[in-house]
Amino acid sequence: MALPELSPAQQEQLVRFRTLEQNIQNLRIQLNEIERALSEIEVTKKELLNLEGDTEVWKAVGGVMFPKKAQDVLKELTEKGELLEIQKKGLSSQEKQNVERFEELQKKLSQDLG
């Protein structure tokens, strides 16, 4: 069965469809990376909470390790986690919008192409 010739409008829709598909994939990759980072932060925070008062830990900054109070590192991790949660929320919203547009375009293309 031969594919019908696509009109310029259909070709444009197909390009938008593929672009949306790629955007959704990229957003999901970014969301997975944020989830992984948040998971690492939670594990590290649990370990730091088990330490006593002014215990020093080693924190990597670039290729160098520095001694730092566990409480300070815990505070930094909490702040970083909060920022990642904000990013995650924004990316999730973008993903939802793109998926909705993708599904609408998919239906339209399906109808147009039979």
Protein backbone atom coordinates (compact mmCIF):
# COMPACT_ATOMS: atom_id res chain seq x y z
CA MET A 1 0.00 0.00 0.00
CA ALA A 2 1.51 3.32 -1.08
CA LEU A 3 1.54 6.30 1.25
CA PRO A 4 -0.52 9.25 0.05
CA GLU A 5 1.31 12.39 -1.04
CA LEU A 6 1.50 14.82 1.85
CA SER A 7 0.30 18.37 1.40
CA PRO A 8 2.58 21.19 2.62
CA ALA A 9 0.31 21.65 5.65
CA GLN A 10 0.53 17.95 6.49
CA GLN A 11 4.30 18.02 6.05
CA GLU A 12 4.47 20.95 8.46
CA GLN A 13 2.29 19.09 10.97
CA LEU A 14 4.52 16.04 10.67
CA VAL A 15 7.61 18.17 11.37
CA ARG A 16 5.88 19.69 14.44
CA PHE A 17 4.87 16.19 15.53
CA ARG A 18 8.45 14.91 15.36
CA THR A 19 9.76 18.04 17.09
CA LEU A 20 7.28 17.62 19.93
CA GLU A 21 8.23 13.96 20.21
CA GLN A 22 11.91 14.90 20.56
CA ASN A 23 11.10 17.65 23.07
CA ILE A 24 9.13 15.19 25.21
CA GLN A 25 12.03 12.74 25.15
CA ASN A 26 14.47 15.49 26.18
CA LEU A 27 12.20 16.63 29.01
CA ARG A 28 11.90 13.07 30.29
CA ILE A 29 15.68 12.69 30.26
CA GLN A 30 16.04 15.92 32.27
CA LEU A 31 13.34 14.78 34.70
CA ASN A 32 15.11 11.45 35.20
CA GLU A 33 18.38 13.27 35.94
CA ILE A 34 16.64 15.48 38.49
CA GLU A 35 15.00 12.44 40.11
CA ARG A 36 18.39 10.74 40.36
CA ALA A 37 19.97 13.85 41.91
CA LEU A 38 17.11 14.20 44.40
CA SER A 39 17.47 10.56 45.36
CA GLU A 40 21.21 11.02 45.95
CA ILE A 41 20.53 14.10 48.05
CA GLU A 42 18.04 12.22 50.23
CA VAL A 43 20.45 9.34 50.83
CA THR A 44 23.24 11.75 51.72
CA LYS A 45 20.99 13.79 54.03
CA LYS A 46 19.97 10.64 55.91
CA GLU A 47 23.62 9.76 56.46
CA LEU A 48 24.45 13.29 57.61
CA LEU A 49 21.56 13.26 60.07
CA ASN A 50 23.14 10.23 61.75
CA LEU A 51 26.27 12.25 62.60
CA GLU A 52 26.69 14.16 65.84
CA GLY A 53 26.75 17.93 66.19
CA ASP A 54 29.89 19.52 64.77
CA THR A 55 31.23 16.45 62.99
CA GLU A 56 33.31 17.34 59.97
CA VAL A 57 32.83 15.64 56.64
CA TRP A 58 34.67 15.99 53.36
CA LYS A 59 32.92 17.81 50.56
CA ALA A 60 34.10 17.60 46.97
CA VAL A 61 34.31 20.90 45.11
CA GLY A 62 35.51 20.25 41.61
CA GLY A 63 38.53 18.01 41.96
CA VAL A 64 39.36 19.13 45.52
CA MET A 65 38.05 17.84 48.84
CA PHE A 66 37.39 20.29 51.70
CA PRO A 67 36.51 19.61 55.32
CA LYS A 68 33.16 21.07 56.23
CA LYS A 69 30.71 20.77 59.13
CA ALA A 70 28.04 18.16 58.47
CA GLN A 71 25.33 20.66 59.45
CA ASP A 72 26.52 23.10 56.78
CA VAL A 73 26.57 20.39 54.12
CA LEU A 74 23.09 19.30 55.19
CA LYS A 75 21.82 22.87 54.79
CA GLU A 76 23.41 23.14 51.32
CA LEU A 77 21.88 19.83 50.26
CA THR A 78 18.45 20.90 51.49
CA GLU A 79 18.65 24.13 49.49
CA LYS A 80 19.85 22.28 46.40
CA GLY A 81 16.99 19.80 46.78
CA GLU A 82 14.48 22.64 46.99
CA LEU A 83 15.83 24.17 43.79
CA LEU A 84 15.71 20.82 42.03
CA GLU A 85 12.08 20.35 43.12
CA ILE A 86 11.22 23.72 41.57
CA GLN A 87 12.96 22.73 38.33
CA LYS A 88 11.20 19.37 38.38
CA LYS A 89 7.82 21.04 38.75
CA GLY A 90 8.49 23.35 35.80
CA LEU A 91 9.76 20.53 33.58
CA SER A 92 6.80 18.32 34.52
CA SER A 93 4.44 21.12 33.52
CA GLN A 94 6.24 21.55 30.18
CA GLU A 95 6.14 17.81 29.59
CA LYS A 96 2.40 17.66 30.29
CA GLN A 97 1.70 20.51 27.87
CA ASN A 98 3.87 18.93 25.17
CA VAL A 99 2.23 15.53 25.61
CA GLU A 100 -1.22 17.11 25.26
CA ARG A 101 -0.18 18.92 22.05
CA PHE A 102 1.51 15.75 20.80
CA GLU A 103 -1.64 13.67 21.31
CA GLU A 104 -3.83 16.29 19.62
CA LEU A 105 -1.48 16.47 16.65
CA GLN A 106 -1.27 12.69 16.51
CA LYS A 107 -5.07 12.45 16.26
CA LYS A 108 -5.21 15.13 13.59
CA LEU A 109 -2.48 13.51 11.52
CA SER A 110 -4.15 10.14 11.91
CA GLN A 111 -7.45 11.54 10.66
CA ASP A 112 -5.83 13.44 7.79
CA LEU A 113 -3.82 10.47 6.60
CA GLY A 114 -6.65 7.99 7.07
